[in-house]
Amino acid sequence: MHSVNNDNYNKNNTLNYLSAFQFSQSSAHGVGENLVEKMTEIDEATQEPENCRDTTAWVECLPAPNISCRLSNGTEFKFSGKEVGFNKTISCRNVSGYSYKVAVALSLFLGWLGADRFYLGYPALGLLKFCTVGFCGIGTLIDFILIAMQIVGPADGSNYIVDYYGARLTRLSITNQTYRKPHLSL
């Protein structure tokens, strides 16, 4: 363990040593308030971080000014607030060009012609909807709900392009590996 001194706050925090000049935010109590997380640039086309690779992107975290870190070899490094202390991973999504807004609009206005299914890469269902006039309207309504709730997505398995701060949904599931808190008896 290594101590971190903050001259402004007079706090002693401990950090785990990862490598020279790198330390982990999650391993120390109270260190989060002494860090600044640099926001990564957002790609205009995909609305995901520009450095997103395999559903993971790296964000640089900068310690606040006057934080000093004593390394295992005894040397002490004092941060000015401009040096990168460590990198943090954030999750990002695999997108391939299908817009959520376009899919919902096509489903709402041209769903009875199957345009939404053609757009998402389901030509057989699109043709079936076209020939049956959206399954007499019932299929159009069901598809609109499924697309709006992001249950039906692009056929290639990618995610929709949604504005970075837009309506992204996360699917929750319960499996046999899900921890269930035992009920307490009264």
N, C-alpha and C. Protein backbone atom coordinates (compact mmCIF):
# COMPACT_ATOMS: atom_id res chain seq x y z
N MET A 1 0.84 -1.17 0.00
CA MET A 1 0.00 0.00 0.00
C MET A 1 0.89 1.24 0.00
N HIS A 2 0.42 2.30 -0.63
CA HIS A 2 1.17 3.52 -0.75
C HIS A 2 0.28 4.67 -0.32
N SER A 3 0.82 5.63 0.36
CA SER A 3 -0.01 6.72 0.84
C SER A 3 -0.03 7.85 -0.18
N VAL A 4 -1.17 8.53 -0.24
CA VAL A 4 -1.35 9.67 -1.13
C VAL A 4 -1.66 10.86 -0.25
N ASN A 5 -0.93 11.95 -0.40
CA ASN A 5 -1.15 13.15 0.40
C ASN A 5 -1.79 14.22 -0.46
N ASN A 6 -2.84 14.84 0.01
CA ASN A 6 -3.47 15.94 -0.68
C ASN A 6 -3.27 17.17 0.19
N ASP A 7 -2.46 18.11 -0.26
CA ASP A 7 -2.16 19.29 0.54
C ASP A 7 -3.39 20.15 0.79
N ASN A 8 -4.33 20.16 -0.16
CA ASN A 8 -5.52 21.00 -0.01
C ASN A 8 -6.50 20.44 1.01
N TYR A 9 -6.60 19.13 1.11
CA TYR A 9 -7.61 18.50 1.96
C TYR A 9 -7.04 17.83 3.19
N ASN A 10 -5.72 17.68 3.28
CA ASN A 10 -5.08 16.98 4.39
C ASN A 10 -5.68 15.61 4.63
N LYS A 11 -5.80 14.83 3.59
CA LYS A 11 -6.35 13.48 3.70
C LYS A 11 -5.25 12.48 3.43
N ASN A 12 -5.33 11.35 4.08
CA ASN A 12 -4.43 10.24 3.76
C ASN A 12 -5.28 9.15 3.13
N ASN A 13 -4.91 8.76 1.93
CA ASN A 13 -5.60 7.71 1.21
C ASN A 13 -4.58 6.66 0.83
N THR A 14 -5.02 5.44 0.66
CA THR A 14 -4.11 4.39 0.24
C THR A 14 -4.48 3.92 -1.14
N LEU A 15 -3.47 3.58 -1.93
CA LEU A 15 -3.69 3.14 -3.30
C LEU A 15 -2.87 1.89 -3.56
N ASN A 16 -3.39 1.02 -4.37
CA ASN A 16 -2.63 -0.15 -4.80
C ASN A 16 -1.74 0.24 -5.96
N TYR A 17 -0.51 -0.23 -5.94
CA TYR A 17 0.45 0.05 -6.98
C TYR A 17 0.21 -0.87 -8.16
N LEU A 18 -0.03 -0.31 -9.34
CA LEU A 18 -0.20 -1.12 -10.53
C LEU A 18 1.07 -1.08 -11.39
N SER A 19 1.56 0.09 -11.68
CA SER A 19 2.82 0.27 -12.39
C SER A 19 3.27 1.70 -12.13
N ALA A 20 4.45 2.05 -12.61
CA ALA A 20 4.96 3.40 -12.34
C ALA A 20 3.95 4.44 -12.78
N PHE A 21 3.55 5.30 -11.87
CA PHE A 21 2.64 6.41 -12.08
C PHE A 21 1.21 5.98 -12.40
N GLN A 22 0.85 4.73 -12.21
CA GLN A 22 -0.54 4.31 -12.39
C GLN A 22 -1.09 3.81 -11.06
N PHE A 23 -2.34 4.14 -10.79
CA PHE A 23 -2.99 3.64 -9.59
C PHE A 23 -4.48 3.52 -9.85
N SER A 24 -5.15 2.75 -9.01
CA SER A 24 -6.54 2.41 -9.24
C SER A 24 -7.46 3.27 -8.39
N GLN A 25 -8.46 3.89 -9.01
CA GLN A 25 -9.42 4.71 -8.30
C GLN A 25 -10.29 3.87 -7.38
N SER A 26 -10.67 2.67 -7.82
CA SER A 26 -11.63 1.88 -7.06
C SER A 26 -11.02 1.26 -5.81
N SER A 27 -9.69 1.23 -5.71
CA SER A 27 -9.08 0.57 -4.57
C SER A 27 -8.89 1.50 -3.38
N ALA A 28 -9.19 2.77 -3.53
CA ALA A 28 -8.94 3.72 -2.45
C ALA A 28 -10.23 4.37 -2.01
N HIS A 29 -10.37 4.57 -0.72
CA HIS A 29 -11.55 5.21 -0.17
C HIS A 29 -11.38 6.73 -0.27
N GLY A 30 -12.34 7.41 -0.85
CA GLY A 30 -12.30 8.86 -0.90
C GLY A 30 -11.45 9.44 -2.00
N VAL A 31 -10.86 8.65 -2.84
CA VAL A 31 -9.99 9.20 -3.88
C VAL A 31 -10.80 9.74 -5.05
N GLY A 32 -12.01 9.25 -5.26
CA GLY A 32 -12.82 9.66 -6.39
C GLY A 32 -13.03 11.16 -6.47
N GLU A 33 -13.09 11.83 -5.34
CA GLU A 33 -13.28 13.27 -5.36
C GLU A 33 -12.00 14.01 -5.74
N ASN A 34 -10.88 13.33 -5.76
CA ASN A 34 -9.61 13.95 -6.12
C ASN A 34 -9.20 13.64 -7.54
N LEU A 35 -10.12 13.10 -8.34
CA LEU A 35 -9.81 12.72 -9.71
C LEU A 35 -10.74 13.43 -10.68
N VAL A 36 -10.24 13.70 -11.87
CA VAL A 36 -11.03 14.26 -12.95
C VAL A 36 -10.97 13.27 -14.10
N GLU A 37 -12.13 12.87 -14.59
CA GLU A 37 -12.18 11.92 -15.69
C GLU A 37 -12.35 12.71 -16.98
N LYS A 38 -11.39 12.57 -17.90
CA LYS A 38 -11.47 13.26 -19.18
C LYS A 38 -12.51 12.57 -20.05
N MET A 39 -13.42 13.35 -20.61
CA MET A 39 -14.44 12.78 -21.47
C MET A 39 -13.83 12.48 -22.82
N THR A 40 -14.04 11.30 -23.30
CA THR A 40 -13.53 10.90 -24.60
C THR A 40 -14.35 11.56 -25.70
N GLU A 41 -13.76 11.74 -26.85
CA GLU A 41 -14.45 12.33 -27.98
C GLU A 41 -15.50 11.36 -28.52
N ILE A 42 -16.67 11.88 -28.88
CA ILE A 42 -17.76 11.07 -29.39
C ILE A 42 -17.78 11.16 -30.91
N ASP A 43 -17.79 10.02 -31.59
CA ASP A 43 -17.84 9.97 -33.04
C ASP A 43 -19.23 10.41 -33.50
N GLU A 44 -19.28 11.39 -34.40
CA GLU A 44 -20.57 11.91 -34.87
C GLU A 44 -21.40 10.85 -35.60
N ALA A 45 -20.75 9.98 -36.35
CA ALA A 45 -21.48 8.99 -37.15
C ALA A 45 -22.07 7.88 -36.30
N THR A 46 -21.32 7.38 -35.31
CA THR A 46 -21.79 6.24 -34.53
C THR A 46 -22.34 6.62 -33.16
N GLN A 47 -22.08 7.84 -32.70
CA GLN A 47 -22.48 8.30 -31.37
C GLN A 47 -21.90 7.42 -30.27
N GLU A 48 -20.73 6.89 -30.49
CA GLU A 48 -19.98 6.10 -29.51
C GLU A 48 -18.61 6.73 -29.34
N PRO A 49 -17.89 6.42 -28.27
CA PRO A 49 -16.54 6.97 -28.12
C PRO A 49 -15.66 6.60 -29.31
N GLU A 50 -14.81 7.54 -29.74
CA GLU A 50 -13.98 7.31 -30.92
C GLU A 50 -13.02 6.15 -30.75
N ASN A 51 -12.58 5.90 -29.53
CA ASN A 51 -11.63 4.81 -29.30
C ASN A 51 -12.32 3.50 -28.89
N CYS A 52 -13.58 3.32 -29.26
CA CYS A 52 -14.34 2.12 -28.93
C CYS A 52 -13.86 0.95 -29.76
N ARG A 53 -13.37 -0.09 -29.09
CA ARG A 53 -12.94 -1.32 -29.75
C ARG A 53 -13.47 -2.50 -28.95
N ASP A 54 -14.20 -3.39 -29.59
CA ASP A 54 -14.72 -4.60 -28.94
C ASP A 54 -15.51 -4.28 -27.68
N THR A 55 -16.44 -3.36 -27.77
CA THR A 55 -17.35 -2.93 -26.70
C THR A 55 -16.63 -2.33 -25.49
N THR A 56 -15.39 -1.85 -25.66
CA THR A 56 -14.65 -1.22 -24.56
C THR A 56 -13.92 0.01 -25.08
N ALA A 57 -13.96 1.08 -24.30
CA ALA A 57 -13.22 2.29 -24.63
C ALA A 57 -12.42 2.71 -23.39
N TRP A 58 -11.29 3.39 -23.61
CA TRP A 58 -10.43 3.84 -22.52
C TRP A 58 -10.64 5.33 -22.28
N VAL A 59 -10.73 5.72 -21.01
CA VAL A 59 -10.86 7.12 -20.62
C VAL A 59 -9.69 7.44 -19.70
N GLU A 60 -9.06 8.59 -19.93
CA GLU A 60 -7.94 9.00 -19.08
C GLU A 60 -8.47 9.67 -17.82
N CYS A 61 -7.91 9.34 -16.68
CA CYS A 61 -8.28 9.95 -15.40
C CYS A 61 -7.09 10.75 -14.89
N LEU A 62 -7.36 12.00 -14.53
CA LEU A 62 -6.32 12.90 -14.08
C LEU A 62 -6.48 13.18 -12.59
N PRO A 63 -5.45 12.92 -11.77
CA PRO A 63 -5.53 13.28 -10.35
C PRO A 63 -5.60 14.80 -10.20
N ALA A 64 -6.26 15.26 -9.16
CA ALA A 64 -6.36 16.69 -8.88
C ALA A 64 -4.97 17.25 -8.58
N PRO A 65 -4.79 18.57 -8.74
CA PRO A 65 -3.49 19.17 -8.43
C PRO A 65 -3.09 18.93 -6.98
N ASN A 66 -1.79 18.85 -6.76
CA ASN A 66 -1.18 18.69 -5.43
C ASN A 66 -1.41 17.31 -4.82
N ILE A 67 -1.77 16.31 -5.62
CA ILE A 67 -1.83 14.93 -5.14
C ILE A 67 -0.46 14.33 -5.38
N SER A 68 0.10 13.71 -4.36
CA SER A 68 1.39 13.06 -4.55
C SER A 68 1.24 11.57 -4.28
N CYS A 69 1.97 10.78 -5.04
CA CYS A 69 1.90 9.34 -4.94
C CYS A 69 3.28 8.80 -4.64
N ARG A 70 3.40 8.04 -3.56
CA ARG A 70 4.67 7.42 -3.21
C ARG A 70 4.66 6.00 -3.75
N LEU A 71 5.60 5.70 -4.63
CA LEU A 71 5.67 4.40 -5.27
C LEU A 71 6.42 3.41 -4.39
N SER A 72 6.39 2.14 -4.79
CA SER A 72 7.00 1.10 -3.98
C SER A 72 8.52 1.25 -3.87
N ASN A 73 9.15 1.91 -4.83
CA ASN A 73 10.60 2.10 -4.76
C ASN A 73 10.98 3.34 -3.94
N GLY A 74 10.00 4.01 -3.34
CA GLY A 74 10.27 5.14 -2.47
C GLY A 74 10.19 6.49 -3.14
N THR A 75 10.17 6.54 -4.46
CA THR A 75 10.08 7.83 -5.14
C THR A 75 8.67 8.38 -5.01
N GLU A 76 8.60 9.68 -5.01
CA GLU A 76 7.31 10.35 -4.87
C GLU A 76 7.06 11.19 -6.10
N PHE A 77 5.85 11.12 -6.62
CA PHE A 77 5.48 11.87 -7.81
C PHE A 77 4.33 12.78 -7.44
N LYS A 78 4.47 14.08 -7.71
CA LYS A 78 3.42 15.04 -7.40
C LYS A 78 2.72 15.45 -8.69
N PHE A 79 1.42 15.30 -8.71
CA PHE A 79 0.63 15.60 -9.90
C PHE A 79 0.26 17.07 -9.93
N SER A 80 0.29 17.66 -11.12
CA SER A 80 -0.10 19.06 -11.29
C SER A 80 -1.55 19.18 -11.77
N GLY A 81 -2.19 18.04 -12.04
CA GLY A 81 -3.56 18.05 -12.53
C GLY A 81 -3.64 17.88 -14.03
N LYS A 82 -2.49 17.83 -14.70
CA LYS A 82 -2.47 17.68 -16.15
C LYS A 82 -1.94 16.33 -16.60
N GLU A 83 -1.35 15.56 -15.68
CA GLU A 83 -0.80 14.24 -16.02
C GLU A 83 -1.88 13.18 -15.88
N VAL A 84 -1.79 12.16 -16.70
CA VAL A 84 -2.71 11.03 -16.62
C VAL A 84 -2.26 10.13 -15.47
N GLY A 85 -3.17 9.87 -14.53
CA GLY A 85 -2.85 9.00 -13.40
C GLY A 85 -3.07 7.55 -13.75
N PHE A 86 -4.18 7.26 -14.44
CA PHE A 86 -4.48 5.90 -14.87
C PHE A 86 -5.56 5.97 -15.94
N ASN A 87 -5.78 4.86 -16.61
CA ASN A 87 -6.84 4.74 -17.61
C ASN A 87 -7.96 3.89 -17.04
N LYS A 88 -9.17 4.27 -17.35
CA LYS A 88 -10.36 3.55 -16.90
C LYS A 88 -11.10 3.04 -18.13
N THR A 89 -11.62 1.83 -18.07
CA THR A 89 -12.40 1.32 -19.19
C THR A 89 -13.87 1.63 -18.99
N ILE A 90 -14.52 2.00 -20.07
CA ILE A 90 -15.97 2.20 -20.07
C ILE A 90 -16.54 1.31 -21.17
N SER A 91 -17.77 0.93 -21.03
CA SER A 91 -18.38 0.08 -22.05
C SER A 91 -18.93 0.95 -23.18
N CYS A 92 -18.90 0.41 -24.37
CA CYS A 92 -19.50 1.05 -25.53
C CYS A 92 -20.17 -0.03 -26.36
N ARG A 93 -20.91 0.38 -27.36
CA ARG A 93 -21.74 -0.57 -28.10
C ARG A 93 -21.24 -0.74 -29.53
N ASN A 94 -21.46 -1.93 -30.09
CA ASN A 94 -21.13 -2.23 -31.47
C ASN A 94 -22.25 -1.72 -32.36
N VAL A 95 -21.97 -0.72 -33.17
CA VAL A 95 -22.97 -0.17 -34.09
C VAL A 95 -22.47 -0.30 -35.51
N SER A 96 -23.41 -0.43 -36.46
CA SER A 96 -22.98 -0.60 -37.85
C SER A 96 -23.76 0.25 -38.83
N GLY A 97 -24.46 1.25 -38.39
CA GLY A 97 -25.09 2.17 -39.33
C GLY A 97 -26.60 2.22 -39.32
N TYR A 98 -27.26 1.49 -38.44
CA TYR A 98 -28.72 1.51 -38.39
C TYR A 98 -29.17 2.49 -37.31
N SER A 99 -29.88 3.52 -37.73
CA SER A 99 -30.32 4.57 -36.82
C SER A 99 -31.63 4.17 -36.13
N TYR A 100 -31.68 4.39 -34.83
CA TYR A 100 -32.88 4.10 -34.07
C TYR A 100 -34.02 5.01 -34.50
N LYS A 101 -33.74 6.28 -34.71
CA LYS A 101 -34.78 7.23 -35.11
C LYS A 101 -35.39 6.86 -36.46
N VAL A 102 -34.54 6.46 -37.41
CA VAL A 102 -35.03 6.08 -38.74
C VAL A 102 -35.88 4.81 -38.64
N ALA A 103 -35.43 3.83 -37.85
CA ALA A 103 -36.18 2.58 -37.71
C ALA A 103 -37.56 2.82 -37.11
N VAL A 104 -37.65 3.67 -36.09
CA VAL A 104 -38.95 3.96 -35.46
C VAL A 104 -39.85 4.72 -36.43
N ALA A 105 -39.28 5.70 -37.16
CA ALA A 105 -40.08 6.47 -38.12
C ALA A 105 -40.60 5.57 -39.25
N LEU A 106 -39.75 4.70 -39.77
CA LEU A 106 -40.20 3.78 -40.82
C LEU A 106 -41.28 2.84 -40.30
N SER A 107 -41.12 2.37 -39.08
CA SER A 107 -42.12 1.47 -38.51
C SER A 107 -43.45 2.17 -38.30
N LEU A 108 -43.40 3.43 -37.88
CA LEU A 108 -44.62 4.17 -37.61
C LEU A 108 -45.37 4.54 -38.89
N PHE A 109 -44.63 5.05 -39.90
CA PHE A 109 -45.30 5.57 -41.09
C PHE A 109 -45.38 4.58 -42.25
N LEU A 110 -44.38 3.71 -42.40
CA LEU A 110 -44.37 2.78 -43.53
C LEU A 110 -44.29 1.32 -43.09
N GLY A 111 -44.60 1.07 -41.84
CA GLY A 111 -44.55 -0.29 -41.33
C GLY A 111 -45.52 -1.22 -42.01
N TRP A 112 -46.65 -0.69 -42.45
CA TRP A 112 -47.65 -1.52 -43.13
C TRP A 112 -47.16 -2.00 -44.49
N LEU A 113 -46.08 -1.36 -45.02
CA LEU A 113 -45.46 -1.81 -46.26
C LEU A 113 -44.22 -2.67 -46.02
N GLY A 114 -43.84 -2.84 -44.75
CA GLY A 114 -42.66 -3.65 -44.42
C GLY A 114 -41.35 -2.90 -44.54
N ALA A 115 -41.40 -1.57 -44.69
CA ALA A 115 -40.17 -0.79 -44.88
C ALA A 115 -39.24 -0.89 -43.68
N ASP A 116 -39.79 -1.00 -42.48
CA ASP A 116 -38.96 -1.12 -41.28
C ASP A 116 -38.15 -2.41 -41.30
N ARG A 117 -38.76 -3.50 -41.69
CA ARG A 117 -38.05 -4.79 -41.73
C ARG A 117 -37.02 -4.83 -42.86
N PHE A 118 -37.34 -4.22 -44.01
CA PHE A 118 -36.35 -4.12 -45.08
C PHE A 118 -35.14 -3.32 -44.60
N TYR A 119 -35.39 -2.20 -43.93
CA TYR A 119 -34.31 -1.33 -43.44
C TYR A 119 -33.42 -2.06 -42.45
N LEU A 120 -33.99 -2.86 -41.56
CA LEU A 120 -33.22 -3.56 -40.54
C LEU A 120 -32.55 -4.82 -41.04
N GLY A 121 -32.80 -5.20 -42.28
CA GLY A 121 -32.11 -6.36 -42.86
C GLY A 121 -32.89 -7.65 -42.78
N TYR A 122 -34.20 -7.57 -42.68
CA TYR A 122 -35.07 -8.75 -42.68
C TYR A 122 -35.95 -8.72 -43.93
N PRO A 123 -35.38 -9.02 -45.11
CA PRO A 123 -36.16 -8.88 -46.35
C PRO A 123 -37.34 -9.85 -46.45
N ALA A 124 -37.23 -11.05 -45.92
CA ALA A 124 -38.34 -12.00 -46.01
C ALA A 124 -39.54 -11.51 -45.21
N LEU A 125 -39.30 -11.01 -44.00
CA LEU A 125 -40.40 -10.46 -43.19
C LEU A 125 -40.94 -9.17 -43.80
N GLY A 126 -40.05 -8.38 -44.39
CA GLY A 126 -40.50 -7.16 -45.06
C GLY A 126 -41.41 -7.47 -46.22
N LEU A 127 -41.07 -8.47 -47.03
CA LEU A 127 -41.90 -8.86 -48.16
C LEU A 127 -43.23 -9.45 -47.68
N LEU A 128 -43.19 -10.23 -46.62
CA LEU A 128 -44.41 -10.80 -46.06
C LEU A 128 -45.34 -9.70 -45.54
N LYS A 129 -44.78 -8.71 -44.87
CA LYS A 129 -45.59 -7.58 -44.38
C LYS A 129 -46.15 -6.77 -45.55
N PHE A 130 -45.36 -6.62 -46.61
CA PHE A 130 -45.81 -5.87 -47.78
C PHE A 130 -46.99 -6.59 -48.45
N CYS A 131 -46.88 -7.89 -48.60
CA CYS A 131 -47.94 -8.67 -49.28
C CYS A 131 -49.23 -8.77 -48.46
N THR A 132 -49.11 -8.70 -47.15
CA THR A 132 -50.30 -8.84 -46.29
C THR A 132 -50.73 -7.51 -45.68
N VAL A 133 -50.19 -6.42 -46.20
CA VAL A 133 -50.46 -5.06 -45.70
C VAL A 133 -50.26 -5.03 -44.18
N GLY A 134 -49.06 -5.42 -43.79
CA GLY A 134 -48.69 -5.37 -42.37
C GLY A 134 -49.46 -6.34 -41.52
N PHE A 135 -49.75 -7.53 -42.07
CA PHE A 135 -50.56 -8.53 -41.36
C PHE A 135 -51.87 -7.91 -40.88
N CYS A 136 -52.50 -7.18 -41.82
CA CYS A 136 -53.78 -6.49 -41.57
C CYS A 136 -53.67 -5.48 -40.43
N GLY A 137 -52.53 -4.89 -40.27
CA GLY A 137 -52.33 -3.84 -39.26
C GLY A 137 -51.84 -4.35 -37.92
N ILE A 138 -52.11 -5.60 -37.62
CA ILE A 138 -51.69 -6.15 -36.32
C ILE A 138 -50.17 -6.29 -36.26
N GLY A 139 -49.58 -6.80 -37.32
CA GLY A 139 -48.12 -6.94 -37.38
C GLY A 139 -47.41 -5.60 -37.35
N THR A 140 -48.04 -4.58 -37.95
CA THR A 140 -47.47 -3.24 -37.94
C THR A 140 -47.41 -2.70 -36.52
N LEU A 141 -48.47 -2.85 -35.77
CA LEU A 141 -48.52 -2.38 -34.39
C LEU A 141 -47.51 -3.13 -33.52
N ILE A 142 -47.45 -4.44 -33.68
CA ILE A 142 -46.51 -5.25 -32.89
C ILE A 142 -45.07 -4.88 -33.22
N ASP A 143 -44.77 -4.73 -34.52
CA ASP A 143 -43.41 -4.35 -34.90
C ASP A 143 -43.04 -2.97 -34.40
N PHE A 144 -43.98 -2.03 -34.43
CA PHE A 144 -43.69 -0.69 -33.91
C PHE A 144 -43.32 -0.76 -32.43
N ILE A 145 -44.06 -1.52 -31.65
CA ILE A 145 -43.76 -1.66 -30.23
C ILE A 145 -42.40 -2.34 -30.02
N LEU A 146 -42.13 -3.40 -30.77
CA LEU A 146 -40.86 -4.12 -30.61
C LEU A 146 -39.66 -3.27 -31.02
N ILE A 147 -39.81 -2.49 -32.08
CA ILE A 147 -38.70 -1.62 -32.52
C ILE A 147 -38.54 -0.46 -31.55
N ALA A 148 -39.63 0.14 -31.10
CA ALA A 148 -39.54 1.27 -30.17
C ALA A 148 -38.92 0.86 -28.84
N MET A 149 -39.16 -0.38 -28.41
CA MET A 149 -38.57 -0.87 -27.16
C MET A 149 -37.18 -1.46 -27.37
N GLN A 150 -36.66 -1.40 -28.60
CA GLN A 150 -35.34 -1.91 -28.97
C GLN A 150 -35.21 -3.42 -28.73
N ILE A 151 -36.31 -4.14 -28.83
CA ILE A 151 -36.27 -5.59 -28.73
C ILE A 151 -35.87 -6.18 -30.08
N VAL A 152 -36.42 -5.63 -31.16
CA VAL A 152 -36.00 -6.00 -32.51
C VAL A 152 -34.95 -5.00 -32.96
N GLY A 153 -33.79 -5.53 -33.32
CA GLY A 153 -32.71 -4.67 -33.77
C GLY A 153 -32.25 -5.08 -35.15
N PRO A 154 -31.14 -4.53 -35.59
CA PRO A 154 -30.60 -4.89 -36.91
C PRO A 154 -30.30 -6.38 -37.00
N ALA A 155 -30.46 -6.92 -38.22
CA ALA A 155 -30.27 -8.35 -38.44
C ALA A 155 -28.83 -8.80 -38.25
N ASP A 156 -27.87 -7.89 -38.38
CA ASP A 156 -26.47 -8.28 -38.24
C ASP A 156 -26.02 -8.39 -36.78
N GLY A 157 -26.92 -8.17 -35.85
CA GLY A 157 -26.60 -8.32 -34.43
C GLY A 157 -26.01 -7.08 -33.79
N SER A 158 -25.84 -6.01 -34.56
CA SER A 158 -25.29 -4.78 -33.99
C SER A 158 -26.40 -4.02 -33.25
N ASN A 159 -26.01 -2.94 -32.61
CA ASN A 159 -26.96 -2.09 -31.91
C ASN A 159 -27.35 -0.92 -32.80
N TYR A 160 -28.46 -0.26 -32.44
CA TYR A 160 -28.86 0.95 -33.14
C TYR A 160 -27.88 2.07 -32.83
N ILE A 161 -27.79 3.02 -33.75
CA ILE A 161 -27.11 4.28 -33.45
C ILE A 161 -28.13 5.14 -32.72
N VAL A 162 -27.83 5.44 -31.47
CA VAL A 162 -28.68 6.27 -30.62
C VAL A 162 -27.82 7.42 -30.16
N ASP A 163 -28.41 8.62 -30.06
CA ASP A 163 -27.64 9.76 -29.56
C ASP A 163 -26.93 9.37 -28.27
N TYR A 164 -25.70 9.90 -28.08
CA TYR A 164 -24.88 9.48 -26.95
C TYR A 164 -25.62 9.63 -25.62
N TYR A 165 -26.39 10.67 -25.47
CA TYR A 165 -27.17 10.85 -24.25
C TYR A 165 -28.65 10.56 -24.51
N GLY A 166 -28.92 9.69 -25.48
CA GLY A 166 -30.29 9.37 -25.87
C GLY A 166 -30.87 8.21 -25.08
N ALA A 167 -31.98 7.69 -25.60
CA ALA A 167 -32.75 6.65 -24.92
C ALA A 167 -32.16 5.28 -25.19
N ARG A 168 -31.12 4.92 -24.49
CA ARG A 168 -30.52 3.59 -24.64
C ARG A 168 -31.13 2.67 -23.59
N LEU A 169 -31.46 1.49 -24.02
CA LEU A 169 -32.03 0.52 -23.10
C LEU A 169 -31.01 -0.56 -22.80
N THR A 170 -31.02 -1.03 -21.59
CA THR A 170 -30.16 -2.14 -21.18
C THR A 170 -31.06 -3.30 -20.80
N ARG A 171 -30.83 -4.43 -21.41
CA ARG A 171 -31.65 -5.60 -21.10
C ARG A 171 -31.16 -6.26 -19.82
N LEU A 172 -32.07 -6.52 -18.93
CA LEU A 172 -31.75 -7.23 -17.70
C LEU A 172 -32.31 -8.64 -17.82
N SER A 173 -31.57 -9.59 -17.32
CA SER A 173 -32.06 -10.96 -17.36
C SER A 173 -31.71 -11.67 -16.06
N ILE A 174 -32.53 -12.62 -15.70
CA ILE A 174 -32.30 -13.42 -14.52
C ILE A 174 -32.03 -14.84 -14.97
N THR A 175 -30.90 -15.38 -14.54
CA THR A 175 -30.53 -16.74 -14.88
C THR A 175 -30.27 -17.52 -13.59
N ASN A 176 -29.85 -18.76 -13.72
CA ASN A 176 -29.53 -19.55 -12.54
C ASN A 176 -28.30 -19.01 -11.81
N GLN A 177 -27.47 -18.21 -12.50
CA GLN A 177 -26.29 -17.64 -11.87
C GLN A 177 -26.58 -16.31 -11.17
N THR A 178 -27.80 -15.79 -11.30
CA THR A 178 -28.17 -14.53 -10.66
C THR A 178 -28.27 -14.73 -9.16
N TYR A 179 -27.63 -13.83 -8.41
CA TYR A 179 -27.69 -13.92 -6.95
C TYR A 179 -29.06 -13.47 -6.47
N ARG A 180 -29.68 -14.26 -5.65
CA ARG A 180 -30.96 -13.93 -5.07
C ARG A 180 -30.78 -13.77 -3.56
N LYS A 181 -31.14 -12.62 -3.07
CA LYS A 181 -31.02 -12.35 -1.64
C LYS A 181 -32.05 -13.17 -0.88
N PRO A 182 -31.62 -13.92 0.13
CA PRO A 182 -32.58 -14.73 0.88
C PRO A 182 -33.53 -13.84 1.70
N HIS A 183 -34.76 -14.30 1.79
CA HIS A 183 -35.75 -13.57 2.58
C HIS A 183 -35.50 -13.81 4.06
N LEU A 184 -35.65 -12.76 4.84
CA LEU A 184 -35.49 -12.90 6.28
C LEU A 184 -36.83 -13.22 6.91
N SER A 185 -36.85 -14.17 7.80
CA SER A 185 -38.11 -14.51 8.47
C SER A 185 -38.32 -13.55 9.62
N LEU A 186 -39.56 -13.24 9.87
CA LEU A 186 -39.90 -12.30 10.95
C LEU A 186 -39.86 -13.03 12.21
